[in-house]
Amino acid sequence: MAVERIGPPSIADEREMLRAFLDYHRATLALKCDGLSDEQLRRRSMPPSTLTLLGLVRHMAEVERTWFRRVIAQEDVPLLWSEEGDYQAAYDPDGSTGEEAFAAWQTEVEHSRRIERAAESLDVTAYQPRWDEEVSLRLVMLHMIHEYARHNGHADFLREGVDGTVGV
């Protein structure tokens, strides 16, 4: 998979800046996984952790699906890897190949982009049942940037443990 990561602009309006930072972090996760085999993507960090790069990709597919499709668009779609709503279930890499996980993640990213572009403004709100409150698209985009940035830090360590690659 060819991964292109474009740095966010220094000057842009709020919506374009949020889009650019979110896409930058999405591309960073893809770069952290680029060129690895399924076995390498499934390599765990260290006991007792079960965290893997493949698990992070699966988790982020769930997060994209939840925040954009289930919350903002109010689509009645199940989670991809858990019937019980257990987001940690996505971390278990044994349920899919890298190709399957990346296809699911890319599909969810495209849905997220479509939903964000269709929203009339960042002030669009929707009910978030886990938090039991209304949230704005602005909050969702900021939360997603935070979620990717945090997990990309995990991906840094995981990738280094797989093949020594740092600084991607």
C-alpha atoms as a PDB file:
ATOM      1  CA  MET A   1       0.000   0.000   0.000  1.00  0.00           C
ATOM      2  CA  ALA A   2       1.458   3.345  -1.019  1.00  0.00           C
ATOM      3  CA  VAL A   3       1.047   5.874   1.758  1.00  0.00           C
ATOM      4  CA  GLU A   4       1.205   9.600   1.193  1.00  0.00           C
ATOM      5  CA  ARG A   5       1.361  11.833   4.241  1.00  0.00           C
ATOM      6  CA  ILE A   6       0.897  15.546   3.673  1.00  0.00           C
ATOM      7  CA  GLY A   7       1.717  17.906   6.509  1.00  0.00           C
ATOM      8  CA  PRO A   8      -1.119  20.132   7.695  1.00  0.00           C
ATOM      9  CA  PRO A   9      -1.136  23.743   6.457  1.00  0.00           C
ATOM     10  CA  SER A  10       0.190  26.526   8.660  1.00  0.00           C
ATOM     11  CA  ILE A  11      -2.715  28.759   7.743  1.00  0.00           C
ATOM     12  CA  ALA A  12      -6.259  27.595   6.987  1.00  0.00           C
ATOM     13  CA  ASP A  13      -9.783  28.021   8.242  1.00  0.00           C
ATOM     14  CA  GLU A  14     -10.843  25.918  11.213  1.00  0.00           C
ATOM     15  CA  ARG A  15     -12.549  23.141   9.261  1.00  0.00           C
ATOM     16  CA  GLU A  16      -9.741  22.709   6.754  1.00  0.00           C
ATOM     17  CA  MET A  17      -7.182  22.695   9.589  1.00  0.00           C
ATOM     18  CA  LEU A  18      -9.103  19.959  11.453  1.00  0.00           C
ATOM     19  CA  ARG A  19      -9.459  17.898   8.255  1.00  0.00           C
ATOM     20  CA  ALA A  20      -5.763  18.232   7.478  1.00  0.00           C
ATOM     21  CA  PHE A  21      -4.588  17.271  10.966  1.00  0.00           C
ATOM     22  CA  LEU A  22      -6.948  14.295  11.066  1.00  0.00           C
ATOM     23  CA  ASP A  23      -5.765  13.084   7.654  1.00  0.00           C
ATOM     24  CA  TYR A  24      -2.136  13.599   8.698  1.00  0.00           C
ATOM     25  CA  HIS A  25      -2.644  11.347  11.710  1.00  0.00           C
ATOM     26  CA  ARG A  26      -4.532   8.766   9.653  1.00  0.00           C
ATOM     27  CA  ALA A  27      -1.611   8.646   7.221  1.00  0.00           C
ATOM     28  CA  THR A  28       0.846   8.352  10.113  1.00  0.00           C
ATOM     29  CA  LEU A  29      -0.853   5.182  11.337  1.00  0.00           C
ATOM     30  CA  ALA A  30      -0.717   3.729   7.825  1.00  0.00           C
ATOM     31  CA  LEU A  31       2.997   4.617   7.546  1.00  0.00           C
ATOM     32  CA  LYS A  32       3.735   2.897  10.854  1.00  0.00           C
ATOM     33  CA  CYS A  33       2.326  -0.319   9.362  1.00  0.00           C
ATOM     34  CA  ASP A  34       3.631   0.055   5.817  1.00  0.00           C
ATOM     35  CA  GLY A  35       5.609  -2.847   4.418  1.00  0.00           C
ATOM     36  CA  LEU A  36       4.963  -5.258   7.285  1.00  0.00           C
ATOM     37  CA  SER A  37       3.725  -8.829   6.981  1.00  0.00           C
ATOM     38  CA  ASP A  38       0.675 -10.109   8.847  1.00  0.00           C
ATOM     39  CA  GLU A  39       2.988 -11.825  11.305  1.00  0.00           C
ATOM     40  CA  GLN A  40       4.805  -8.547  11.972  1.00  0.00           C
ATOM     41  CA  LEU A  41       1.529  -6.621  12.285  1.00  0.00           C
ATOM     42  CA  ARG A  42       0.409  -9.167  14.917  1.00  0.00           C
ATOM     43  CA  ARG A  43       3.603  -8.932  16.980  1.00  0.00           C
ATOM     44  CA  ARG A  44       2.773  -7.945  20.550  1.00  0.00           C
ATOM     45  CA  SER A  45       4.642  -5.254  22.382  1.00  0.00           C
ATOM     46  CA  MET A  46       5.474  -7.022  25.641  1.00  0.00           C
ATOM     47  CA  PRO A  47       3.636  -9.148  28.190  1.00  0.00           C
ATOM     48  CA  PRO A  48       1.071  -8.668  29.554  1.00  0.00           C
ATOM     49  CA  SER A  49       0.039  -6.235  26.791  1.00  0.00           C
ATOM     50  CA  THR A  50      -1.786  -7.680  23.788  1.00  0.00           C
ATOM     51  CA  LEU A  51      -1.386  -4.471  21.779  1.00  0.00           C
ATOM     52  CA  THR A  52      -0.326  -4.900  18.135  1.00  0.00           C
ATOM     53  CA  LEU A  53      -0.203  -2.690  15.060  1.00  0.00           C
ATOM     54  CA  LEU A  54      -2.964  -4.784  13.485  1.00  0.00           C
ATOM     55  CA  GLY A  55      -5.039  -4.340  16.628  1.00  0.00           C
ATOM     56  CA  LEU A  56      -4.556  -0.566  16.467  1.00  0.00           C
ATOM     57  CA  VAL A  57      -5.793  -0.485  12.864  1.00  0.00           C
ATOM     58  CA  ARG A  58      -8.847  -2.537  13.827  1.00  0.00           C
ATOM     59  CA  HIS A  59      -9.491  -0.316  16.847  1.00  0.00           C
ATOM     60  CA  MET A  60      -9.289   2.859  14.762  1.00  0.00           C
ATOM     61  CA  ALA A  61     -11.742   1.393  12.233  1.00  0.00           C
ATOM     62  CA  GLU A  62     -14.176   0.930  15.135  1.00  0.00           C
ATOM     63  CA  VAL A  63     -13.529   4.442  16.420  1.00  0.00           C
ATOM     64  CA  GLU A  64     -14.078   6.018  12.978  1.00  0.00           C
ATOM     65  CA  ARG A  65     -17.265   3.960  12.539  1.00  0.00           C
ATOM     66  CA  THR A  66     -18.583   4.904  15.975  1.00  0.00           C
ATOM     67  CA  TRP A  67     -17.950   8.633  15.983  1.00  0.00           C
ATOM     68  CA  PHE A  68     -18.892   9.455  12.425  1.00  0.00           C
ATOM     69  CA  ARG A  69     -21.443   6.835  11.381  1.00  0.00           C
ATOM     70  CA  ARG A  70     -23.084   5.839  14.672  1.00  0.00           C
ATOM     71  CA  VAL A  71     -22.936   9.221  16.429  1.00  0.00           C
ATOM     72  CA  ILE A  72     -22.868  12.070  13.880  1.00  0.00           C
ATOM     73  CA  ALA A  73     -24.823  10.350  11.082  1.00  0.00           C
ATOM     74  CA  GLN A  74     -26.968   8.347  13.567  1.00  0.00           C
ATOM     75  CA  GLU A  75     -26.603   5.212  11.407  1.00  0.00           C
ATOM     76  CA  ASP A  76     -27.772   1.996  13.021  1.00  0.00           C
ATOM     77  CA  VAL A  77     -24.687  -0.073  12.221  1.00  0.00           C
ATOM     78  CA  PRO A  78     -23.028  -2.627  14.495  1.00  0.00           C
ATOM     79  CA  LEU A  79     -19.408  -2.526  15.498  1.00  0.00           C
ATOM     80  CA  LEU A  80     -17.128  -4.468  13.182  1.00  0.00           C
ATOM     81  CA  TRP A  81     -15.521  -6.826  15.698  1.00  0.00           C
ATOM     82  CA  SER A  82     -17.743  -6.884  18.749  1.00  0.00           C
ATOM     83  CA  GLU A  83     -21.409  -7.631  19.183  1.00  0.00           C
ATOM     84  CA  GLU A  84     -21.235  -6.455  22.813  1.00  0.00           C
ATOM     85  CA  GLY A  85     -19.798  -3.005  22.094  1.00  0.00           C
ATOM     86  CA  ASP A  86     -16.386  -3.958  23.473  1.00  0.00           C
ATOM     87  CA  TYR A  87     -13.889  -1.653  21.769  1.00  0.00           C
ATOM     88  CA  GLN A  88     -11.022  -3.659  23.220  1.00  0.00           C
ATOM     89  CA  ALA A  89     -12.151  -6.685  21.170  1.00  0.00           C
ATOM     90  CA  ALA A  90     -10.772  -4.912  18.116  1.00  0.00           C
ATOM     91  CA  TYR A  91      -7.284  -5.155  19.586  1.00  0.00           C
ATOM     92  CA  ASP A  92      -7.312  -8.943  19.162  1.00  0.00           C
ATOM     93  CA  PRO A  93      -5.482  -9.356  15.844  1.00  0.00           C
ATOM     94  CA  ASP A  94      -6.351 -13.027  15.393  1.00  0.00           C
ATOM     95  CA  GLY A  95      -9.689 -12.267  13.749  1.00  0.00           C
ATOM     96  CA  SER A  96      -8.421 -10.760  10.486  1.00  0.00           C
ATOM     97  CA  THR A  97      -5.514 -10.309   8.136  1.00  0.00           C
ATOM     98  CA  GLY A  98      -3.749  -7.028   7.589  1.00  0.00           C
ATOM     99  CA  GLU A  99      -5.468  -6.736   4.227  1.00  0.00           C
ATOM    100  CA  GLU A 100      -8.916  -7.209   5.810  1.00  0.00           C
ATOM    101  CA  ALA A 101      -8.207  -4.808   8.663  1.00  0.00           C
ATOM    102  CA  PHE A 102      -6.842  -2.098   6.380  1.00  0.00           C
ATOM    103  CA  ALA A 103      -9.766  -2.493   3.969  1.00  0.00           C
ATOM    104  CA  ALA A 104     -12.234  -2.087   6.849  1.00  0.00           C
ATOM    105  CA  TRP A 105     -10.319   0.899   8.229  1.00  0.00           C
ATOM    106  CA  GLN A 106     -10.085   2.617   4.833  1.00  0.00           C
ATOM    107  CA  THR A 107     -13.806   2.033   4.250  1.00  0.00           C
ATOM    108  CA  GLU A 108     -14.623   3.657   7.580  1.00  0.00           C
ATOM    109  CA  VAL A 109     -12.282   6.582   6.892  1.00  0.00           C
ATOM    110  CA  GLU A 110     -14.085   7.205   3.587  1.00  0.00           C
ATOM    111  CA  HIS A 111     -17.462   7.099   5.351  1.00  0.00           C
ATOM    112  CA  SER A 112     -16.113   9.557   7.933  1.00  0.00           C
ATOM    113  CA  ARG A 113     -14.879  11.946   5.249  1.00  0.00           C
ATOM    114  CA  ARG A 114     -18.233  11.758   3.426  1.00  0.00           C
ATOM    115  CA  ILE A 115     -20.183  12.467   6.612  1.00  0.00           C
ATOM    116  CA  GLU A 116     -17.925  15.359   7.610  1.00  0.00           C
ATOM    117  CA  ARG A 117     -18.116  16.955   4.139  1.00  0.00           C
ATOM    118  CA  ALA A 118     -21.917  16.641   4.098  1.00  0.00           C
ATOM    119  CA  ALA A 119     -22.330  18.382   7.459  1.00  0.00           C
ATOM    120  CA  GLU A 120     -23.318  22.008   7.082  1.00  0.00           C
ATOM    121  CA  SER A 121     -20.948  23.154   9.811  1.00  0.00           C
ATOM    122  CA  LEU A 122     -18.761  22.032  12.689  1.00  0.00           C
ATOM    123  CA  ASP A 123     -21.632  23.035  14.970  1.00  0.00           C
ATOM    124  CA  VAL A 124     -23.792  20.098  13.862  1.00  0.00           C
ATOM    125  CA  THR A 125     -24.650  18.070  16.959  1.00  0.00           C
ATOM    126  CA  ALA A 126     -25.751  14.536  17.674  1.00  0.00           C
ATOM    127  CA  TYR A 127     -26.395  12.438  20.739  1.00  0.00           C
ATOM    128  CA  GLN A 128     -23.475  10.355  22.051  1.00  0.00           C
ATOM    129  CA  PRO A 129     -25.030   7.564  24.156  1.00  0.00           C
ATOM    130  CA  ARG A 130     -21.838   6.505  25.967  1.00  0.00           C
ATOM    131  CA  TRP A 131     -21.401  10.049  27.247  1.00  0.00           C
ATOM    132  CA  ASP A 132     -25.167  10.651  27.536  1.00  0.00           C
ATOM    133  CA  GLU A 133     -24.896  14.084  25.925  1.00  0.00           C
ATOM    134  CA  GLU A 134     -24.981  16.000  22.665  1.00  0.00           C
ATOM    135  CA  VAL A 135     -21.629  16.440  20.934  1.00  0.00           C
ATOM    136  CA  SER A 136     -20.637  18.632  18.011  1.00  0.00           C
ATOM    137  CA  LEU A 137     -18.833  17.614  14.853  1.00  0.00           C
ATOM    138  CA  ARG A 138     -16.053  19.956  16.034  1.00  0.00           C
ATOM    139  CA  LEU A 139     -15.630  17.899  19.216  1.00  0.00           C
ATOM    140  CA  VAL A 140     -15.689  14.648  17.216  1.00  0.00           C
ATOM    141  CA  MET A 141     -12.934  15.836  14.884  1.00  0.00           C
ATOM    142  CA  LEU A 142     -10.813  17.069  17.796  1.00  0.00           C
ATOM    143  CA  HIS A 143     -11.411  13.810  19.654  1.00  0.00           C
ATOM    144  CA  MET A 144     -10.372  11.809  16.578  1.00  0.00           C
ATOM    145  CA  ILE A 145      -7.149  13.809  16.218  1.00  0.00           C
ATOM    146  CA  HIS A 146      -6.413  13.114  19.881  1.00  0.00           C
ATOM    147  CA  GLU A 147      -7.261   9.412  19.513  1.00  0.00           C
ATOM    148  CA  TYR A 148      -4.970   8.975  16.499  1.00  0.00           C
ATOM    149  CA  ALA A 149      -2.132  10.980  18.044  1.00  0.00           C
ATOM    150  CA  ARG A 150      -2.242   8.881  21.206  1.00  0.00           C
ATOM    151  CA  HIS A 151      -2.338   5.586  19.324  1.00  0.00           C
ATOM    152  CA  ASN A 152       0.329   6.721  16.868  1.00  0.00           C
ATOM    153  CA  GLY A 153       2.598   7.049  19.896  1.00  0.00           C
ATOM    154  CA  HIS A 154       1.862   3.412  20.679  1.00  0.00           C
ATOM    155  CA  ALA A 155       2.493   2.558  17.023  1.00  0.00           C
ATOM    156  CA  ASP A 156       5.940   4.199  17.251  1.00  0.00           C
ATOM    157  CA  PHE A 157       7.013   1.753  19.929  1.00  0.00           C
ATOM    158  CA  LEU A 158       5.358  -1.228  18.283  1.00  0.00           C
ATOM    159  CA  ARG A 159       7.043  -0.569  14.930  1.00  0.00           C
ATOM    160  CA  GLU A 160      10.419  -0.089  16.559  1.00  0.00           C
ATOM    161  CA  GLY A 161       9.978  -3.431  18.307  1.00  0.00           C
ATOM    162  CA  VAL A 162       9.136  -5.165  15.020  1.00  0.00           C
ATOM    163  CA  ASP A 163      12.033  -4.018  12.851  1.00  0.00           C
ATOM    164  CA  GLY A 164      13.824  -1.108  14.519  1.00  0.00           C
ATOM    165  CA  THR A 165      12.190   1.544  12.335  1.00  0.00           C
ATOM    166  CA  VAL A 166      11.802   4.887  14.116  1.00  0.00           C
ATOM    167  CA  GLY A 167      10.853   8.394  13.109  1.00  0.00           C
ATOM    168  CA  VAL A 168       8.237   7.558  10.484  1.00  0.00           C
END
